[in-house]
Amino acid sequence: MKPDIKAVEQRVAEIIISELKLEDVTADSFDRGLDLVDELGIDSMDLTAVVLVLQDEYGITIDEDDYPKLKNLRLIAEYVHARMAG
């Protein structure tokens, strides 16, 4: 059964926090609309690391052409959720 979007959003936040080694932020306090590149300063290598974990975790494929769409936590969670089976 496919988890709801809030569960996906929560897990994506945990993955981003872990992969980027963010301090003083939790999955609950993570700003869903924060622009990861412009406001958080992540680069393509950071985004690729997050994408690889998401692909493994959810059994999906994320096309490199779609990376520019993955601007914030909310958009990433919606993208992942839309590609999940179930």
N, C-alpha and C. Protein backbone atom coordinates (compact mmCIF):
# COMPACT_ATOMS: atom_id res chain seq x y z
N MET A 1 0.83 -1.19 0.00
CA MET A 1 0.00 0.00 0.00
C MET A 1 0.88 1.26 0.00
N LYS A 2 0.49 2.20 -0.79
CA LYS A 2 1.24 3.46 -0.93
C LYS A 2 1.04 4.35 0.29
N PRO A 3 2.16 4.82 0.89
CA PRO A 3 2.01 5.71 2.05
C PRO A 3 1.42 7.06 1.62
N ASP A 4 0.84 7.77 2.58
CA ASP A 4 0.28 9.07 2.22
C ASP A 4 1.40 10.09 2.03
N ILE A 5 1.05 11.20 1.42
CA ILE A 5 2.02 12.22 1.04
C ILE A 5 2.74 12.78 2.27
N LYS A 6 2.04 12.88 3.40
CA LYS A 6 2.67 13.41 4.62
C LYS A 6 3.77 12.48 5.12
N ALA A 7 3.54 11.18 5.03
CA ALA A 7 4.56 10.20 5.44
C ALA A 7 5.78 10.29 4.52
N VAL A 8 5.53 10.44 3.23
CA VAL A 8 6.63 10.57 2.27
C VAL A 8 7.39 11.87 2.56
N GLU A 9 6.67 12.94 2.78
CA GLU A 9 7.29 14.24 3.07
C GLU A 9 8.18 14.14 4.32
N GLN A 10 7.69 13.48 5.34
CA GLN A 10 8.44 13.31 6.59
C GLN A 10 9.73 12.53 6.33
N ARG A 11 9.63 11.44 5.58
CA ARG A 11 10.80 10.60 5.31
C ARG A 11 11.80 11.33 4.41
N VAL A 12 11.31 12.05 3.42
CA VAL A 12 12.19 12.83 2.54
C VAL A 12 12.95 13.87 3.37
N ALA A 13 12.28 14.50 4.31
CA ALA A 13 12.94 15.47 5.19
C ALA A 13 14.05 14.79 5.97
N GLU A 14 13.78 13.60 6.51
CA GLU A 14 14.79 12.87 7.27
C GLU A 14 16.00 12.54 6.39
N ILE A 15 15.74 12.13 5.15
CA ILE A 15 16.82 11.79 4.22
C ILE A 15 17.66 13.03 3.90
N ILE A 16 17.01 14.14 3.60
CA ILE A 16 17.73 15.37 3.28
C ILE A 16 18.59 15.80 4.48
N ILE A 17 18.01 15.78 5.66
CA ILE A 17 18.75 16.17 6.87
C ILE A 17 19.97 15.27 7.06
N SER A 18 19.78 13.98 6.89
CA SER A 18 20.86 13.02 7.09
C SER A 18 21.95 13.16 6.02
N GLU A 19 21.54 13.20 4.76
CA GLU A 19 22.51 13.26 3.66
C GLU A 19 23.30 14.56 3.65
N LEU A 20 22.65 15.66 4.01
CA LEU A 20 23.31 16.96 3.97
C LEU A 20 23.92 17.33 5.33
N LYS A 21 23.74 16.41 6.30
CA LYS A 21 24.29 16.62 7.64
C LYS A 21 23.87 17.97 8.23
N LEU A 22 22.59 18.25 8.10
CA LEU A 22 22.04 19.51 8.63
C LEU A 22 21.93 19.43 10.14
N GLU A 23 22.28 20.49 10.79
CA GLU A 23 22.20 20.54 12.25
C GLU A 23 21.08 21.49 12.66
N ASP A 24 20.58 21.30 13.84
CA ASP A 24 19.55 22.17 14.42
C ASP A 24 18.27 22.19 13.60
N VAL A 25 17.99 21.11 12.89
CA VAL A 25 16.72 21.02 12.16
C VAL A 25 16.23 19.58 12.28
N THR A 26 14.92 19.43 12.42
CA THR A 26 14.31 18.10 12.48
C THR A 26 13.35 17.96 11.30
N ALA A 27 12.90 16.75 11.08
CA ALA A 27 11.94 16.53 10.00
C ALA A 27 10.67 17.35 10.22
N ASP A 28 10.29 17.52 11.49
CA ASP A 28 9.09 18.30 11.79
C ASP A 28 9.29 19.80 11.59
N SER A 29 10.51 20.29 11.84
CA SER A 29 10.75 21.74 11.74
C SER A 29 11.27 22.16 10.37
N PHE A 30 11.55 21.20 9.49
CA PHE A 30 12.08 21.49 8.17
C PHE A 30 11.05 22.27 7.35
N ASP A 31 11.42 23.41 6.83
CA ASP A 31 10.52 24.25 6.03
C ASP A 31 10.24 23.56 4.69
N ARG A 32 9.00 23.15 4.51
CA ARG A 32 8.60 22.40 3.29
C ARG A 32 8.81 23.20 2.00
N GLY A 33 8.81 24.53 2.10
CA GLY A 33 8.95 25.38 0.92
C GLY A 33 10.33 25.97 0.72
N LEU A 34 11.27 25.64 1.61
CA LEU A 34 12.63 26.17 1.54
C LEU A 34 13.30 25.74 0.24
N ASP A 35 13.80 26.69 -0.53
CA ASP A 35 14.48 26.36 -1.79
C ASP A 35 15.85 25.78 -1.45
N LEU A 36 16.05 24.52 -1.80
CA LEU A 36 17.25 23.81 -1.40
C LEU A 36 18.52 24.37 -2.03
N VAL A 37 18.42 24.85 -3.25
CA VAL A 37 19.60 25.39 -3.93
C VAL A 37 19.83 26.85 -3.55
N ASP A 38 18.82 27.69 -3.74
CA ASP A 38 18.98 29.13 -3.51
C ASP A 38 19.09 29.50 -2.04
N GLU A 39 18.32 28.84 -1.18
CA GLU A 39 18.30 29.23 0.23
C GLU A 39 19.18 28.35 1.12
N LEU A 40 19.32 27.07 0.76
CA LEU A 40 20.12 26.16 1.58
C LEU A 40 21.53 25.98 1.01
N GLY A 41 21.66 26.27 -0.29
CA GLY A 41 22.98 26.22 -0.91
C GLY A 41 23.48 24.83 -1.30
N ILE A 42 22.56 23.88 -1.50
CA ILE A 42 23.04 22.56 -1.90
C ILE A 42 23.44 22.59 -3.37
N ASP A 43 24.41 21.75 -3.72
CA ASP A 43 24.87 21.70 -5.10
C ASP A 43 24.39 20.41 -5.76
N SER A 44 24.79 20.21 -7.00
CA SER A 44 24.31 19.05 -7.75
C SER A 44 24.78 17.73 -7.13
N MET A 45 25.96 17.73 -6.52
CA MET A 45 26.46 16.52 -5.87
C MET A 45 25.59 16.17 -4.65
N ASP A 46 25.22 17.19 -3.88
CA ASP A 46 24.34 16.97 -2.73
C ASP A 46 22.99 16.43 -3.18
N LEU A 47 22.44 17.05 -4.22
CA LEU A 47 21.13 16.63 -4.73
C LEU A 47 21.20 15.20 -5.25
N THR A 48 22.29 14.86 -5.94
CA THR A 48 22.45 13.51 -6.46
C THR A 48 22.49 12.49 -5.32
N ALA A 49 23.17 12.81 -4.24
CA ALA A 49 23.23 11.91 -3.07
C ALA A 49 21.83 11.68 -2.51
N VAL A 50 21.05 12.74 -2.40
CA VAL A 50 19.67 12.62 -1.90
C VAL A 50 18.83 11.78 -2.86
N VAL A 51 18.96 12.04 -4.15
CA VAL A 51 18.20 11.30 -5.16
C VAL A 51 18.51 9.81 -5.11
N LEU A 52 19.78 9.45 -4.97
CA LEU A 52 20.16 8.03 -4.92
C LEU A 52 19.52 7.33 -3.73
N VAL A 53 19.49 7.98 -2.59
CA VAL A 53 18.85 7.40 -1.41
C VAL A 53 17.35 7.25 -1.64
N LEU A 54 16.73 8.28 -2.23
CA LEU A 54 15.29 8.22 -2.50
C LEU A 54 14.96 7.08 -3.47
N GLN A 55 15.77 6.92 -4.48
CA GLN A 55 15.54 5.85 -5.46
C GLN A 55 15.62 4.48 -4.78
N ASP A 56 16.63 4.29 -3.94
CA ASP A 56 16.77 3.02 -3.22
C ASP A 56 15.61 2.81 -2.25
N GLU A 57 15.30 3.84 -1.50
CA GLU A 57 14.27 3.75 -0.46
C GLU A 57 12.89 3.44 -1.04
N TYR A 58 12.55 4.08 -2.15
CA TYR A 58 11.19 3.97 -2.70
C TYR A 58 11.09 3.11 -3.96
N GLY A 59 12.22 2.60 -4.46
CA GLY A 59 12.18 1.74 -5.64
C GLY A 59 11.68 2.47 -6.88
N ILE A 60 12.07 3.74 -7.01
CA ILE A 60 11.65 4.54 -8.15
C ILE A 60 12.88 5.00 -8.93
N THR A 61 12.64 5.53 -10.11
CA THR A 61 13.70 6.13 -10.90
C THR A 61 13.42 7.62 -11.02
N ILE A 62 14.44 8.42 -10.75
CA ILE A 62 14.31 9.87 -10.88
C ILE A 62 15.21 10.29 -12.02
N ASP A 63 14.61 10.78 -13.09
CA ASP A 63 15.34 11.19 -14.28
C ASP A 63 16.18 12.43 -14.00
N GLU A 64 17.41 12.42 -14.46
CA GLU A 64 18.29 13.57 -14.23
C GLU A 64 17.70 14.86 -14.81
N ASP A 65 16.93 14.75 -15.87
CA ASP A 65 16.28 15.93 -16.46
C ASP A 65 15.26 16.55 -15.50
N ASP A 66 14.81 15.77 -14.52
CA ASP A 66 13.82 16.27 -13.56
C ASP A 66 14.46 16.94 -12.34
N TYR A 67 15.76 16.86 -12.18
CA TYR A 67 16.42 17.45 -11.01
C TYR A 67 16.05 18.92 -10.79
N PRO A 68 15.98 19.74 -11.86
CA PRO A 68 15.61 21.15 -11.63
C PRO A 68 14.23 21.33 -11.00
N LYS A 69 13.34 20.34 -11.15
CA LYS A 69 12.01 20.41 -10.56
C LYS A 69 12.04 20.16 -9.05
N LEU A 70 13.13 19.56 -8.58
CA LEU A 70 13.22 19.14 -7.18
C LEU A 70 13.79 20.28 -6.33
N LYS A 71 13.02 21.35 -6.24
CA LYS A 71 13.50 22.58 -5.62
C LYS A 71 13.35 22.63 -4.11
N ASN A 72 12.31 21.97 -3.60
CA ASN A 72 12.09 22.03 -2.14
C ASN A 72 11.49 20.71 -1.66
N LEU A 73 11.39 20.58 -0.37
CA LEU A 73 10.91 19.34 0.22
C LEU A 73 9.53 18.95 -0.29
N ARG A 74 8.63 19.91 -0.36
CA ARG A 74 7.26 19.62 -0.82
C ARG A 74 7.26 19.07 -2.25
N LEU A 75 8.02 19.70 -3.15
CA LEU A 75 8.06 19.25 -4.54
C LEU A 75 8.71 17.89 -4.68
N ILE A 76 9.76 17.64 -3.89
CA ILE A 76 10.42 16.33 -3.94
C ILE A 76 9.47 15.24 -3.46
N ALA A 77 8.77 15.49 -2.36
CA ALA A 77 7.82 14.51 -1.82
C ALA A 77 6.70 14.23 -2.82
N GLU A 78 6.17 15.26 -3.46
CA GLU A 78 5.11 15.07 -4.46
C GLU A 78 5.63 14.27 -5.65
N TYR A 79 6.86 14.56 -6.08
CA TYR A 79 7.48 13.85 -7.20
C TYR A 79 7.62 12.36 -6.85
N VAL A 80 8.19 12.09 -5.67
CA VAL A 80 8.40 10.70 -5.24
C VAL A 80 7.05 9.99 -5.11
N HIS A 81 6.11 10.63 -4.46
CA HIS A 81 4.78 10.03 -4.22
C HIS A 81 4.10 9.68 -5.54
N ALA A 82 4.21 10.54 -6.52
CA ALA A 82 3.56 10.31 -7.82
C ALA A 82 4.15 9.11 -8.56
N ARG A 83 5.41 8.77 -8.28
CA ARG A 83 6.07 7.68 -8.98
C ARG A 83 6.04 6.35 -8.26
N MET A 84 5.50 6.36 -7.05
CA MET A 84 5.43 5.13 -6.28
C MET A 84 4.31 4.21 -6.76
N ALA A 85 4.58 2.92 -6.68
CA ALA A 85 3.54 1.94 -7.02
C ALA A 85 2.54 1.87 -5.86
N GLY A 86 1.36 1.40 -6.18
CA GLY A 86 0.42 1.20 -5.09
C GLY A 86 -0.85 1.78 -5.28
